[in-house]
Amino acid sequence: MNMRQFTKIAVVAAAVFLLAAPPARAADAVTANDTALFLAGMMPSADSPLMPLTRDPLWQRHARFFDAAFAQLEERQLSKIRAWANANLAAPKPTMFRLRRVPAAFWNSQPTGVTPLPANVAL
């Protein structure tokens, strides 16, 4: 699916949402969370006034598009990032940040009277 088709689907989904939704009453108010879920192709809460719109074939196509896009993102990038993070970020390591403009020799030398900082101190 190219960007032009995606844009058409998004415009039609927005039009369906705006035209098909009955006027909101206080009891039928759509929450921001339900709106975000609906626009992202995810099911809103069960009692949401947007639930009838999820039966529309165009919205279902919209939801499948996002499911496929995120499946590809998971396969290409996110799974690799998670694997790297599990391997490299599992155990905390002592960390020390130093200012870039201060020469490394300053940090490596310990002049008389200066107590070295612990390795996990961030400056």
PDB file of N, CA and C in Angstrom:
ATOM      1  N   MET A   1       0.861  -1.174   0.000  1.00  0.00           N
ATOM      2  CA  MET A   1       0.000   0.000   0.000  1.00  0.00           C
ATOM      3  C   MET A   1       0.904   1.232   0.000  1.00  0.00           C
ATOM      4  N   ASN A   2       0.667   2.138  -0.921  1.00  0.00           N
ATOM      5  CA  ASN A   2       1.509   3.318  -0.994  1.00  0.00           C
ATOM      6  C   ASN A   2       0.902   4.457  -0.164  1.00  0.00           C
ATOM      7  N   MET A   3       1.615   5.543  -0.106  1.00  0.00           N
ATOM      8  CA  MET A   3       1.207   6.671   0.738  1.00  0.00           C
ATOM      9  C   MET A   3      -0.098   7.289   0.255  1.00  0.00           C
ATOM     10  N   ARG A   4      -0.308   7.298  -1.045  1.00  0.00           N
ATOM     11  CA  ARG A   4      -1.528   7.887  -1.588  1.00  0.00           C
ATOM     12  C   ARG A   4      -2.761   7.092  -1.146  1.00  0.00           C
ATOM     13  N   GLN A   5      -2.654   5.765  -1.218  1.00  0.00           N
ATOM     14  CA  GLN A   5      -3.766   4.928  -0.765  1.00  0.00           C
ATOM     15  C   GLN A   5      -4.001   5.100   0.728  1.00  0.00           C
ATOM     16  N   PHE A   6      -2.909   5.169   1.492  1.00  0.00           N
ATOM     17  CA  PHE A   6      -3.037   5.378   2.931  1.00  0.00           C
ATOM     18  C   PHE A   6      -3.745   6.698   3.229  1.00  0.00           C
ATOM     19  N   THR A   7      -3.384   7.750   2.504  1.00  0.00           N
ATOM     20  CA  THR A   7      -4.014   9.053   2.705  1.00  0.00           C
ATOM     21  C   THR A   7      -5.499   8.982   2.397  1.00  0.00           C
ATOM     22  N   LYS A   8      -5.850   8.288   1.323  1.00  0.00           N
ATOM     23  CA  LYS A   8      -7.267   8.145   0.980  1.00  0.00           C
ATOM     24  C   LYS A   8      -8.018   7.412   2.088  1.00  0.00           C
ATOM     25  N   ILE A   9      -7.429   6.351   2.585  1.00  0.00           N
ATOM     26  CA  ILE A   9      -8.073   5.584   3.669  1.00  0.00           C
ATOM     27  C   ILE A   9      -8.243   6.451   4.909  1.00  0.00           C
ATOM     28  N   ALA A  10      -7.215   7.209   5.254  1.00  0.00           N
ATOM     29  CA  ALA A  10      -7.288   8.068   6.436  1.00  0.00           C
ATOM     30  C   ALA A  10      -8.376   9.130   6.281  1.00  0.00           C
ATOM     31  N   VAL A  11      -8.468   9.724   5.089  1.00  0.00           N
ATOM     32  CA  VAL A  11      -9.484  10.758   4.847  1.00  0.00           C
ATOM     33  C   VAL A  11     -10.882  10.157   4.917  1.00  0.00           C
ATOM     34  N   VAL A  12     -11.052   8.993   4.305  1.00  0.00           N
ATOM     35  CA  VAL A  12     -12.368   8.342   4.332  1.00  0.00           C
ATOM     36  C   VAL A  12     -12.721   7.919   5.760  1.00  0.00           C
ATOM     37  N   ALA A  13     -11.750   7.396   6.497  1.00  0.00           N
ATOM     38  CA  ALA A  13     -12.012   6.996   7.885  1.00  0.00           C
ATOM     39  C   ALA A  13     -12.415   8.207   8.723  1.00  0.00           C
ATOM     40  N   ALA A  14     -11.737   9.331   8.527  1.00  0.00           N
ATOM     41  CA  ALA A  14     -12.088  10.542   9.263  1.00  0.00           C
ATOM     42  C   ALA A  14     -13.486  11.023   8.881  1.00  0.00           C
ATOM     43  N   ALA A  15     -13.813  10.943   7.594  1.00  0.00           N
ATOM     44  CA  ALA A  15     -15.145  11.364   7.143  1.00  0.00           C
ATOM     45  C   ALA A  15     -16.217  10.458   7.724  1.00  0.00           C
ATOM     46  N   VAL A  16     -15.961   9.157   7.707  1.00  0.00           N
ATOM     47  CA  VAL A  16     -16.923   8.213   8.290  1.00  0.00           C
ATOM     48  C   VAL A  16     -17.106   8.518   9.771  1.00  0.00           C
ATOM     49  N   PHE A  17     -16.020   8.762  10.437  1.00  0.00           N
ATOM     50  CA  PHE A  17     -16.079   9.081  11.862  1.00  0.00           C
ATOM     51  C   PHE A  17     -16.901  10.345  12.122  1.00  0.00           C
ATOM     52  N   LEU A  18     -16.660  11.373  11.343  1.00  0.00           N
ATOM     53  CA  LEU A  18     -17.337  12.644  11.574  1.00  0.00           C
ATOM     54  C   LEU A  18     -18.804  12.624  11.135  1.00  0.00           C
ATOM     55  N   LEU A  19     -19.091  11.935  10.046  1.00  0.00           N
ATOM     56  CA  LEU A  19     -20.449  11.947   9.517  1.00  0.00           C
ATOM     57  C   LEU A  19     -21.359  10.886  10.143  1.00  0.00           C
ATOM     58  N   ALA A  20     -20.804   9.742  10.467  1.00  0.00           N
ATOM     59  CA  ALA A  20     -21.628   8.647  10.967  1.00  0.00           C
ATOM     60  C   ALA A  20     -21.868   8.718  12.471  1.00  0.00           C
ATOM     61  N   ALA A  21     -21.000   9.405  13.172  1.00  0.00           N
ATOM     62  CA  ALA A  21     -21.160   9.465  14.625  1.00  0.00           C
ATOM     63  C   ALA A  21     -22.356  10.362  14.965  1.00  0.00           C
ATOM     64  N   PRO A  22     -23.269   9.861  15.779  1.00  0.00           N
ATOM     65  CA  PRO A  22     -24.389  10.703  16.194  1.00  0.00           C
ATOM     66  C   PRO A  22     -23.887  11.831  17.091  1.00  0.00           C
ATOM     67  N   PRO A  23     -24.664  12.882  17.213  1.00  0.00           N
ATOM     68  CA  PRO A  23     -24.233  13.968  18.091  1.00  0.00           C
ATOM     69  C   PRO A  23     -23.987  13.435  19.496  1.00  0.00           C
ATOM     70  N   ALA A  24     -22.872  13.825  20.080  1.00  0.00           N
ATOM     71  CA  ALA A  24     -22.498  13.312  21.391  1.00  0.00           C
ATOM     72  C   ALA A  24     -23.321  13.979  22.486  1.00  0.00           C
ATOM     73  N   ARG A  25     -23.855  13.137  23.330  1.00  0.00           N
ATOM     74  CA  ARG A  25     -24.502  13.631  24.540  1.00  0.00           C
ATOM     75  C   ARG A  25     -23.516  13.443  25.672  1.00  0.00           C
ATOM     76  N   ALA A  26     -23.823  13.959  26.816  1.00  0.00           N
ATOM     77  CA  ALA A  26     -22.906  13.861  27.952  1.00  0.00           C
ATOM     78  C   ALA A  26     -22.600  12.400  28.274  1.00  0.00           C
ATOM     79  N   ALA A  27     -23.608  11.525  28.211  1.00  0.00           N
ATOM     80  CA  ALA A  27     -23.402  10.118  28.544  1.00  0.00           C
ATOM     81  C   ALA A  27     -22.663   9.382  27.435  1.00  0.00           C
ATOM     82  N   ASP A  28     -22.731   9.876  26.194  1.00  0.00           N
ATOM     83  CA  ASP A  28     -22.117   9.207  25.063  1.00  0.00           C
ATOM     84  C   ASP A  28     -20.821   9.875  24.613  1.00  0.00           C
ATOM     85  N   ALA A  29     -20.221  10.658  25.464  1.00  0.00           N
ATOM     86  CA  ALA A  29     -19.018  11.388  25.071  1.00  0.00           C
ATOM     87  C   ALA A  29     -17.882  10.417  24.754  1.00  0.00           C
ATOM     88  N   VAL A  30     -17.204  10.688  23.673  1.00  0.00           N
ATOM     89  CA  VAL A  30     -16.064   9.866  23.268  1.00  0.00           C
ATOM     90  C   VAL A  30     -14.827  10.390  23.980  1.00  0.00           C
ATOM     91  N   THR A  31     -14.084   9.503  24.604  1.00  0.00           N
ATOM     92  CA  THR A  31     -12.876   9.927  25.299  1.00  0.00           C
ATOM     93  C   THR A  31     -11.736  10.109  24.304  1.00  0.00           C
ATOM     94  N   ALA A  32     -10.759  10.874  24.712  1.00  0.00           N
ATOM     95  CA  ALA A  32      -9.581  11.074  23.860  1.00  0.00           C
ATOM     96  C   ALA A  32      -8.863   9.746  23.635  1.00  0.00           C
ATOM     97  N   ASN A  33      -8.824   8.907  24.645  1.00  0.00           N
ATOM     98  CA  ASN A  33      -8.166   7.608  24.515  1.00  0.00           C
ATOM     99  C   ASN A  33      -8.870   6.743  23.468  1.00  0.00           C
ATOM    100  N   ASP A  34     -10.203   6.685  23.522  1.00  0.00           N
ATOM    101  CA  ASP A  34     -10.948   5.906  22.542  1.00  0.00           C
ATOM    102  C   ASP A  34     -10.747   6.452  21.128  1.00  0.00           C
ATOM    103  N   THR A  35     -10.700   7.755  20.997  1.00  0.00           N
ATOM    104  CA  THR A  35     -10.472   8.369  19.690  1.00  0.00           C
ATOM    105  C   THR A  35      -9.094   8.001  19.160  1.00  0.00           C
ATOM    106  N   ALA A  36      -8.089   8.080  20.025  1.00  0.00           N
ATOM    107  CA  ALA A  36      -6.729   7.726  19.611  1.00  0.00           C
ATOM    108  C   ALA A  36      -6.644   6.254  19.206  1.00  0.00           C
ATOM    109  N   LEU A  37      -7.263   5.379  19.996  1.00  0.00           N
ATOM    110  CA  LEU A  37      -7.264   3.955  19.656  1.00  0.00           C
ATOM    111  C   LEU A  37      -7.946   3.715  18.315  1.00  0.00           C
ATOM    112  N   PHE A  38      -9.085   4.349  18.109  1.00  0.00           N
ATOM    113  CA  PHE A  38      -9.840   4.192  16.874  1.00  0.00           C
ATOM    114  C   PHE A  38      -9.019   4.641  15.665  1.00  0.00           C
ATOM    115  N   LEU A  39      -8.398   5.799  15.765  1.00  0.00           N
ATOM    116  CA  LEU A  39      -7.611   6.332  14.649  1.00  0.00           C
ATOM    117  C   LEU A  39      -6.351   5.507  14.390  1.00  0.00           C
ATOM    118  N   ALA A  40      -5.855   4.837  15.423  1.00  0.00           N
ATOM    119  CA  ALA A  40      -4.666   3.992  15.268  1.00  0.00           C
ATOM    120  C   ALA A  40      -5.013   2.597  14.779  1.00  0.00           C
ATOM    121  N   GLY A  41      -6.293   2.342  14.541  1.00  0.00           N
ATOM    122  CA  GLY A  41      -6.697   1.026  14.060  1.00  0.00           C
ATOM    123  C   GLY A  41      -6.837   0.002  15.160  1.00  0.00           C
ATOM    124  N   MET A  42      -6.979   0.470  16.395  1.00  0.00           N
ATOM    125  CA  MET A  42      -7.136  -0.426  17.538  1.00  0.00           C
ATOM    126  C   MET A  42      -8.559  -0.295  18.084  1.00  0.00           C
ATOM    127  N   MET A  43      -9.027  -1.348  18.720  1.00  0.00           N
ATOM    128  CA  MET A  43     -10.388  -1.340  19.246  1.00  0.00           C
ATOM    129  C   MET A  43     -10.507  -0.373  20.425  1.00  0.00           C
ATOM    130  N   PRO A  44     -11.499   0.507  20.390  1.00  0.00           N
ATOM    131  CA  PRO A  44     -11.755   1.363  21.559  1.00  0.00           C
ATOM    132  C   PRO A  44     -12.390   0.526  22.671  1.00  0.00           C
ATOM    133  N   SER A  45     -12.629   1.135  23.808  1.00  0.00           N
ATOM    134  CA  SER A  45     -13.229   0.404  24.921  1.00  0.00           C
ATOM    135  C   SER A  45     -14.612  -0.117  24.521  1.00  0.00           C
ATOM    136  N   ALA A  46     -15.053  -1.165  25.198  1.00  0.00           N
ATOM    137  CA  ALA A  46     -16.290  -1.855  24.822  1.00  0.00           C
ATOM    138  C   ALA A  46     -17.521  -0.952  24.882  1.00  0.00           C
ATOM    139  N   ASP A  47     -17.534  -0.003  25.792  1.00  0.00           N
ATOM    140  CA  ASP A  47     -18.708   0.865  25.938  1.00  0.00           C
ATOM    141  C   ASP A  47     -18.580   2.177  25.158  1.00  0.00           C
ATOM    142  N   SER A  48     -17.588   2.271  24.295  1.00  0.00           N
ATOM    143  CA  SER A  48     -17.361   3.498  23.528  1.00  0.00           C
ATOM    144  C   SER A  48     -18.420   3.669  22.442  1.00  0.00           C
ATOM    145  N   PRO A  49     -18.840   4.905  22.201  1.00  0.00           N
ATOM    146  CA  PRO A  49     -19.750   5.172  21.086  1.00  0.00           C
ATOM    147  C   PRO A  49     -19.105   4.894  19.720  1.00  0.00           C
ATOM    148  N   LEU A  50     -17.798   4.704  19.694  1.00  0.00           N
ATOM    149  CA  LEU A  50     -17.107   4.426  18.431  1.00  0.00           C
ATOM    150  C   LEU A  50     -17.162   2.950  18.046  1.00  0.00           C
ATOM    151  N   MET A  51     -17.584   2.088  18.935  1.00  0.00           N
ATOM    152  CA  MET A  51     -17.598   0.646  18.645  1.00  0.00           C
ATOM    153  C   MET A  51     -18.391   0.297  17.383  1.00  0.00           C
ATOM    154  N   PRO A  52     -19.567   0.883  17.132  1.00  0.00           N
ATOM    155  CA  PRO A  52     -20.275   0.537  15.887  1.00  0.00           C
ATOM    156  C   PRO A  52     -19.465   0.845  14.624  1.00  0.00           C
ATOM    157  N   LEU A  53     -18.607   1.857  14.693  1.00  0.00           N
ATOM    158  CA  LEU A  53     -17.810   2.233  13.524  1.00  0.00           C
ATOM    159  C   LEU A  53     -16.721   1.205  13.222  1.00  0.00           C
ATOM    160  N   THR A  54     -16.361   0.396  14.212  1.00  0.00           N
ATOM    161  CA  THR A  54     -15.313  -0.596  13.981  1.00  0.00           C
ATOM    162  C   THR A  54     -15.809  -1.761  13.119  1.00  0.00           C
ATOM    163  N   ARG A  55     -17.100  -1.846  12.899  1.00  0.00           N
ATOM    164  CA  ARG A  55     -17.656  -2.891  12.030  1.00  0.00           C
ATOM    165  C   ARG A  55     -17.626  -2.477  10.553  1.00  0.00           C
ATOM    166  N   ASP A  56     -17.283  -1.246  10.295  1.00  0.00           N
ATOM    167  CA  ASP A  56     -17.208  -0.749   8.921  1.00  0.00           C
ATOM    168  C   ASP A  56     -16.025  -1.402   8.202  1.00  0.00           C
ATOM    169  N   PRO A  57     -16.232  -1.942   7.001  1.00  0.00           N
ATOM    170  CA  PRO A  57     -15.135  -2.598   6.275  1.00  0.00           C
ATOM    171  C   PRO A  57     -13.943  -1.676   6.001  1.00  0.00           C
ATOM    172  N   LEU A  58     -14.212  -0.410   5.780  1.00  0.00           N
ATOM    173  CA  LEU A  58     -13.124   0.524   5.530  1.00  0.00           C
ATOM    174  C   LEU A  58     -12.252   0.692   6.767  1.00  0.00           C
ATOM    175  N   TRP A  59     -12.873   0.789   7.943  1.00  0.00           N
ATOM    176  CA  TRP A  59     -12.090   0.897   9.183  1.00  0.00           C
ATOM    177  C   TRP A  59     -11.312  -0.398   9.416  1.00  0.00           C
ATOM    178  N   GLN A  60     -11.903  -1.539   9.137  1.00  0.00           N
ATOM    179  CA  GLN A  60     -11.219  -2.815   9.321  1.00  0.00           C
ATOM    180  C   GLN A  60      -9.999  -2.908   8.406  1.00  0.00           C
ATOM    181  N   ARG A  61     -10.123  -2.391   7.198  1.00  0.00           N
ATOM    182  CA  ARG A  61      -8.982  -2.340   6.281  1.00  0.00           C
ATOM    183  C   ARG A  61      -7.897  -1.419   6.841  1.00  0.00           C
ATOM    184  N   HIS A  62      -8.320  -0.284   7.376  1.00  0.00           N
ATOM    185  CA  HIS A  62      -7.420   0.666   8.022  1.00  0.00           C
ATOM    186  C   HIS A  62      -6.671  -0.023   9.170  1.00  0.00           C
ATOM    187  N   ALA A  63      -7.391  -0.782   9.991  1.00  0.00           N
ATOM    188  CA  ALA A  63      -6.783  -1.479  11.131  1.00  0.00           C
ATOM    189  C   ALA A  63      -5.784  -2.542  10.650  1.00  0.00           C
ATOM    190  N   ARG A  64      -6.126  -3.282   9.610  1.00  0.00           N
ATOM    191  CA  ARG A  64      -5.206  -4.297   9.067  1.00  0.00           C
ATOM    192  C   ARG A  64      -3.932  -3.656   8.531  1.00  0.00           C
ATOM    193  N   PHE A  65      -4.073  -2.477   7.902  1.00  0.00           N
ATOM    194  CA  PHE A  65      -2.900  -1.762   7.405  1.00  0.00           C
ATOM    195  C   PHE A  65      -1.938  -1.456   8.546  1.00  0.00           C
ATOM    196  N   PHE A  66      -2.458  -0.916   9.653  1.00  0.00           N
ATOM    197  CA  PHE A  66      -1.599  -0.585  10.790  1.00  0.00           C
ATOM    198  C   PHE A  66      -1.031  -1.839  11.445  1.00  0.00           C
ATOM    199  N   ASP A  67      -1.811  -2.900  11.522  1.00  0.00           N
ATOM    200  CA  ASP A  67      -1.299  -4.160  12.076  1.00  0.00           C
ATOM    201  C   ASP A  67      -0.114  -4.653  11.256  1.00  0.00           C
ATOM    202  N   ALA A  68      -0.232  -4.611   9.943  1.00  0.00           N
ATOM    203  CA  ALA A  68       0.854  -5.058   9.066  1.00  0.00           C
ATOM    204  C   ALA A  68       2.072  -4.146   9.193  1.00  0.00           C
ATOM    205  N   ALA A  69       1.844  -2.844   9.262  1.00  0.00           N
ATOM    206  CA  ALA A  69       2.957  -1.898   9.373  1.00  0.00           C
ATOM    207  C   ALA A  69       3.725  -2.117  10.675  1.00  0.00           C
ATOM    208  N   PHE A  70       3.010  -2.311  11.772  1.00  0.00           N
ATOM    209  CA  PHE A  70       3.696  -2.522  13.042  1.00  0.00           C
ATOM    210  C   PHE A  70       4.337  -3.897  13.126  1.00  0.00           C
ATOM    211  N   ALA A  71       3.779  -4.900  12.441  1.00  0.00           N
ATOM    212  CA  ALA A  71       4.411  -6.217  12.391  1.00  0.00           C
ATOM    213  C   ALA A  71       5.747  -6.119  11.661  1.00  0.00           C
ATOM    214  N   GLN A  72       5.783  -5.358  10.565  1.00  0.00           N
ATOM    215  CA  GLN A  72       7.036  -5.159   9.838  1.00  0.00           C
ATOM    216  C   GLN A  72       8.051  -4.398  10.688  1.00  0.00           C
ATOM    217  N   LEU A  73       7.592  -3.364  11.396  1.00  0.00           N
ATOM    218  CA  LEU A  73       8.476  -2.595  12.268  1.00  0.00           C
ATOM    219  C   LEU A  73       9.037  -3.487  13.370  1.00  0.00           C
ATOM    220  N   GLU A  74       8.204  -4.321  13.946  1.00  0.00           N
ATOM    221  CA  GLU A  74       8.646  -5.252  14.990  1.00  0.00           C
ATOM    222  C   GLU A  74       9.714  -6.197  14.444  1.00  0.00           C
ATOM    223  N   GLU A  75       9.467  -6.735  13.260  1.00  0.00           N
ATOM    224  CA  GLU A  75      10.400  -7.697  12.673  1.00  0.00           C
ATOM    225  C   GLU A  75      11.728  -7.042  12.291  1.00  0.00           C
ATOM    226  N   ARG A  76      11.661  -5.862  11.660  1.00  0.00           N
ATOM    227  CA  ARG A  76      12.866  -5.201  11.157  1.00  0.00           C
ATOM    228  C   ARG A  76      13.690  -4.540  12.243  1.00  0.00           C
ATOM    229  N   GLN A  77      13.021  -3.896  13.217  1.00  0.00           N
ATOM    230  CA  GLN A  77      13.774  -3.059  14.151  1.00  0.00           C
ATOM    231  C   GLN A  77      13.546  -3.391  15.615  1.00  0.00           C
ATOM    232  N   LEU A  78      12.301  -3.389  16.057  1.00  0.00           N
ATOM    233  CA  LEU A  78      12.037  -3.463  17.487  1.00  0.00           C
ATOM    234  C   LEU A  78      12.527  -4.749  18.128  1.00  0.00           C
ATOM    235  N   SER A  79      12.394  -5.890  17.442  1.00  0.00           N
ATOM    236  CA  SER A  79      12.872  -7.150  18.020  1.00  0.00           C
ATOM    237  C   SER A  79      14.389  -7.117  18.201  1.00  0.00           C
ATOM    238  N   LYS A  80      15.095  -6.503  17.257  1.00  0.00           N
ATOM    239  CA  LYS A  80      16.556  -6.394  17.364  1.00  0.00           C
ATOM    240  C   LYS A  80      16.951  -5.456  18.502  1.00  0.00           C
ATOM    241  N   ILE A  81      16.209  -4.387  18.671  1.00  0.00           N
ATOM    242  CA  ILE A  81      16.494  -3.448  19.766  1.00  0.00           C
ATOM    243  C   ILE A  81      16.256  -4.132  21.105  1.00  0.00           C
ATOM    244  N   ARG A  82      15.165  -4.885  21.225  1.00  0.00           N
ATOM    245  CA  ARG A  82      14.890  -5.600  22.476  1.00  0.00           C
ATOM    246  C   ARG A  82      15.971  -6.629  22.786  1.00  0.00           C
ATOM    247  N   ALA A  83      16.405  -7.369  21.770  1.00  0.00           N
ATOM    248  CA  ALA A  83      17.460  -8.368  21.969  1.00  0.00           C
ATOM    249  C   ALA A  83      18.755  -7.691  22.425  1.00  0.00           C
ATOM    250  N   TRP A  84      19.108  -6.582  21.782  1.00  0.00           N
ATOM    251  CA  TRP A  84      20.314  -5.845  22.181  1.00  0.00           C
ATOM    252  C   TRP A  84      20.187  -5.328  23.607  1.00  0.00           C
ATOM    253  N   ALA A  85      19.026  -4.770  23.931  1.00  0.00           N
ATOM    254  CA  ALA A  85      18.824  -4.217  25.270  1.00  0.00           C
ATOM    255  C   ALA A  85      18.911  -5.315  26.334  1.00  0.00           C
ATOM    256  N   ASN A  86      18.328  -6.483  26.059  1.00  0.00           N
ATOM    257  CA  ASN A  86      18.400  -7.584  27.022  1.00  0.00           C
ATOM    258  C   ASN A  86      19.833  -8.048  27.227  1.00  0.00           C
ATOM    259  N   ALA A  87      20.620  -8.040  26.171  1.00  0.00           N
ATOM    260  CA  ALA A  87      22.005  -8.493  26.274  1.00  0.00           C
ATOM    261  C   ALA A  87      22.918  -7.444  26.897  1.00  0.00           C
ATOM    262  N   ASN A  88      22.660  -6.170  26.628  1.00  0.00           N
ATOM    263  CA  ASN A  88      23.605  -5.129  27.037  1.00  0.00           C
ATOM    264  C   ASN A  88      23.136  -4.239  28.178  1.00  0.00           C
ATOM    265  N   LEU A  89      21.872  -4.233  28.457  1.00  0.00           N
ATOM    266  CA  LEU A  89      21.366  -3.337  29.496  1.00  0.00           C
ATOM    267  C   LEU A  89      20.797  -4.093  30.688  1.00  0.00           C
ATOM    268  N   ALA A  90      20.988  -5.402  30.732  1.00  0.00           N
ATOM    269  CA  ALA A  90      20.394  -6.209  31.798  1.00  0.00           C
ATOM    270  C   ALA A  90      20.987  -5.866  33.158  1.00  0.00           C
ATOM    271  N   ALA A  91      22.298  -5.841  33.261  1.00  0.00           N
ATOM    272  CA  ALA A  91      22.948  -5.566  34.544  1.00  0.00           C
ATOM    273  C   ALA A  91      23.472  -4.136  34.544  1.00  0.00           C
ATOM    274  N   PRO A  92      23.175  -3.381  35.595  1.00  0.00           N
ATOM    275  CA  PRO A  92      23.693  -2.011  35.650  1.00  0.00           C
ATOM    276  C   PRO A  92      25.226  -2.019  35.752  1.00  0.00           C
ATOM    277  N   LYS A  93      25.839  -1.081  35.099  1.00  0.00           N
ATOM    278  CA  LYS A  93      27.298  -0.954  35.110  1.00  0.00           C
ATOM    279  C   LYS A  93      27.656   0.401  35.714  1.00  0.00           C
ATOM    280  N   PRO A  94      28.790   0.491  36.394  1.00  0.00           N
ATOM    281  CA  PRO A  94      29.195   1.794  36.923  1.00  0.00           C
ATOM    282  C   PRO A  94      29.371   2.789  35.777  1.00  0.00           C
ATOM    283  N   THR A  95      28.859   3.979  35.961  1.00  0.00           N
ATOM    284  CA  THR A  95      28.870   4.977  34.907  1.00  0.00           C
ATOM    285  C   THR A  95      29.457   6.274  35.421  1.00  0.00           C
ATOM    286  N   MET A  96      30.255   6.916  34.595  1.00  0.00           N
ATOM    287  CA  MET A  96      30.750   8.251  34.928  1.00  0.00           C
ATOM    288  C   MET A  96      30.715   9.074  33.657  1.00  0.00           C
ATOM    289  N   PHE A  97      30.036  10.204  33.705  1.00  0.00           N
ATOM    290  CA  PHE A  97      29.991  11.113  32.575  1.00  0.00           C
ATOM    291  C   PHE A  97      30.979  12.236  32.840  1.00  0.00           C
ATOM    292  N   ARG A  98      31.671  12.667  31.814  1.00  0.00           N
ATOM    293  CA  ARG A  98      32.579  13.794  31.989  1.00  0.00           C
ATOM    294  C   ARG A  98      32.243  14.864  30.964  1.00  0.00           C
ATOM    295  N   LEU A  99      32.583  16.083  31.312  1.00  0.00           N
ATOM    296  CA  LEU A  99      32.352  17.197  30.414  1.00  0.00           C
ATOM    297  C   LEU A  99      33.287  17.078  29.220  1.00  0.00           C
ATOM    298  N   ARG A 100      32.816  17.378  28.049  1.00  0.00           N
ATOM    299  CA  ARG A 100      33.627  17.225  26.843  1.00  0.00           C
ATOM    300  C   ARG A 100      34.757  18.260  26.751  1.00  0.00           C
ATOM    301  N   ARG A 101      34.579  19.410  27.316  1.00  0.00           N
ATOM    302  CA  ARG A 101      35.589  20.456  27.158  1.00  0.00           C
ATOM    303  C   ARG A 101      36.727  20.316  28.170  1.00  0.00           C
ATOM    304  N   VAL A 102      36.574  19.431  29.125  1.00  0.00           N
ATOM    305  CA  VAL A 102      37.644  19.216  30.103  1.00  0.00           C
ATOM    306  C   VAL A 102      38.544  18.111  29.562  1.00  0.00           C
ATOM    307  N   PRO A 103      39.843  18.336  29.464  1.00  0.00           N
ATOM    308  CA  PRO A 103      40.734  17.336  28.900  1.00  0.00           C
ATOM    309  C   PRO A 103      40.711  16.034  29.697  1.00  0.00           C
ATOM    310  N   ALA A 104      40.887  14.923  28.997  1.00  0.00           N
ATOM    311  CA  ALA A 104      40.891  13.615  29.649  1.00  0.00           C
ATOM    312  C   ALA A 104      42.016  13.527  30.671  1.00  0.00           C
ATOM    313  N   ALA A 105      43.126  14.222  30.420  1.00  0.00           N
ATOM    314  CA  ALA A 105      44.251  14.185  31.359  1.00  0.00           C
ATOM    315  C   ALA A 105      43.832  14.690  32.732  1.00  0.00           C
ATOM    316  N   PHE A 106      42.911  15.660  32.785  1.00  0.00           N
ATOM    317  CA  PHE A 106      42.432  16.177  34.069  1.00  0.00           C
ATOM    318  C   PHE A 106      41.742  15.076  34.863  1.00  0.00           C
ATOM    319  N   TRP A 107      40.941  14.278  34.179  1.00  0.00           N
ATOM    320  CA  TRP A 107      40.193  13.230  34.871  1.00  0.00           C
ATOM    321  C   TRP A 107      41.079  12.040  35.219  1.00  0.00           C
ATOM    322  N   ASN A 108      42.101  11.794  34.403  1.00  0.00           N
ATOM    323  CA  ASN A 108      42.955  10.636  34.625  1.00  0.00           C
ATOM    324  C   ASN A 108      44.021  10.901  35.679  1.00  0.00           C
ATOM    325  N   SER A 109      44.423  12.145  35.833  1.00  0.00           N
ATOM    326  CA  SER A 109      45.432  12.461  36.840  1.00  0.00           C
ATOM    327  C   SER A 109      44.735  12.768  38.168  1.00  0.00           C
ATOM    328  N   GLN A 110      45.427  12.534  39.244  1.00  0.00           N
ATOM    329  CA  GLN A 110      44.863  12.824  40.559  1.00  0.00           C
ATOM    330  C   GLN A 110      45.859  13.703  41.322  1.00  0.00           C
ATOM    331  N   PRO A 111      45.710  15.022  41.151  1.00  0.00           N
ATOM    332  CA  PRO A 111      46.633  15.924  41.850  1.00  0.00           C
ATOM    333  C   PRO A 111      46.491  15.782  43.363  1.00  0.00           C
ATOM    334  N   THR A 112      47.495  16.214  44.064  1.00  0.00           N
ATOM    335  CA  THR A 112      47.511  16.140  45.519  1.00  0.00           C
ATOM    336  C   THR A 112      46.321  16.891  46.099  1.00  0.00           C
ATOM    337  N   GLY A 113      45.635  16.279  47.024  1.00  0.00           N
ATOM    338  CA  GLY A 113      44.529  16.917  47.717  1.00  0.00           C
ATOM    339  C   GLY A 113      43.175  16.735  47.043  1.00  0.00           C
ATOM    340  N   VAL A 114      43.119  16.098  45.879  1.00  0.00           N
ATOM    341  CA  VAL A 114      41.847  15.890  45.197  1.00  0.00           C
ATOM    342  C   VAL A 114      41.430  14.427  45.377  1.00  0.00           C
ATOM    343  N   THR A 115      40.254  14.240  45.924  1.00  0.00           N
ATOM    344  CA  THR A 115      39.742  12.888  46.113  1.00  0.00           C
ATOM    345  C   THR A 115      39.042  12.448  44.837  1.00  0.00           C
ATOM    346  N   PRO A 116      39.386  11.271  44.304  1.00  0.00           N
ATOM    347  CA  PRO A 116      38.711  10.823  43.095  1.00  0.00           C
ATOM    348  C   PRO A 116      37.236  10.549  43.355  1.00  0.00           C
ATOM    349  N   LEU A 117      36.421  10.818  42.355  1.00  0.00           N
ATOM    350  CA  LEU A 117      34.986  10.566  42.467  1.00  0.00           C
ATOM    351  C   LEU A 117      34.687   9.091  42.248  1.00  0.00           C
ATOM    352  N   PRO A 118      33.634   8.581  42.868  1.00  0.00           N
ATOM    353  CA  PRO A 118      33.242   7.199  42.587  1.00  0.00           C
ATOM    354  C   PRO A 118      32.898   7.049  41.108  1.00  0.00           C
ATOM    355  N   ALA A 119      33.015   5.838  40.590  1.00  0.00           N
ATOM    356  CA  ALA A 119      32.835   5.596  39.166  1.00  0.00           C
ATOM    357  C   ALA A 119      31.397   5.828  38.693  1.00  0.00           C
ATOM    358  N   ASN A 120      30.446   5.785  39.590  1.00  0.00           N
ATOM    359  CA  ASN A 120      29.047   5.931  39.169  1.00  0.00           C
ATOM    360  C   ASN A 120      28.526   7.354  39.321  1.00  0.00           C
ATOM    361  N   VAL A 121      29.392   8.316  39.531  1.00  0.00           N
ATOM    362  CA  VAL A 121      28.985   9.717  39.667  1.00  0.00           C
ATOM    363  C   VAL A 121      28.898  10.349  38.284  1.00  0.00           C
ATOM    364  N   ALA A 122      27.791  10.970  37.995  1.00  0.00           N
ATOM    365  CA  ALA A 122      27.613  11.661  36.720  1.00  0.00           C
ATOM    366  C   ALA A 122      27.775  13.150  36.935  1.00  0.00           C
ATOM    367  N   LEU A 123      28.651  13.757  36.155  1.00  0.00           N
ATOM    368  CA  LEU A 123      28.867  15.209  36.274  1.00  0.00           C
ATOM    369  C   LEU A 123      28.249  15.927  35.136  1.00  0.00           C
TER     370      LEU A 123
END
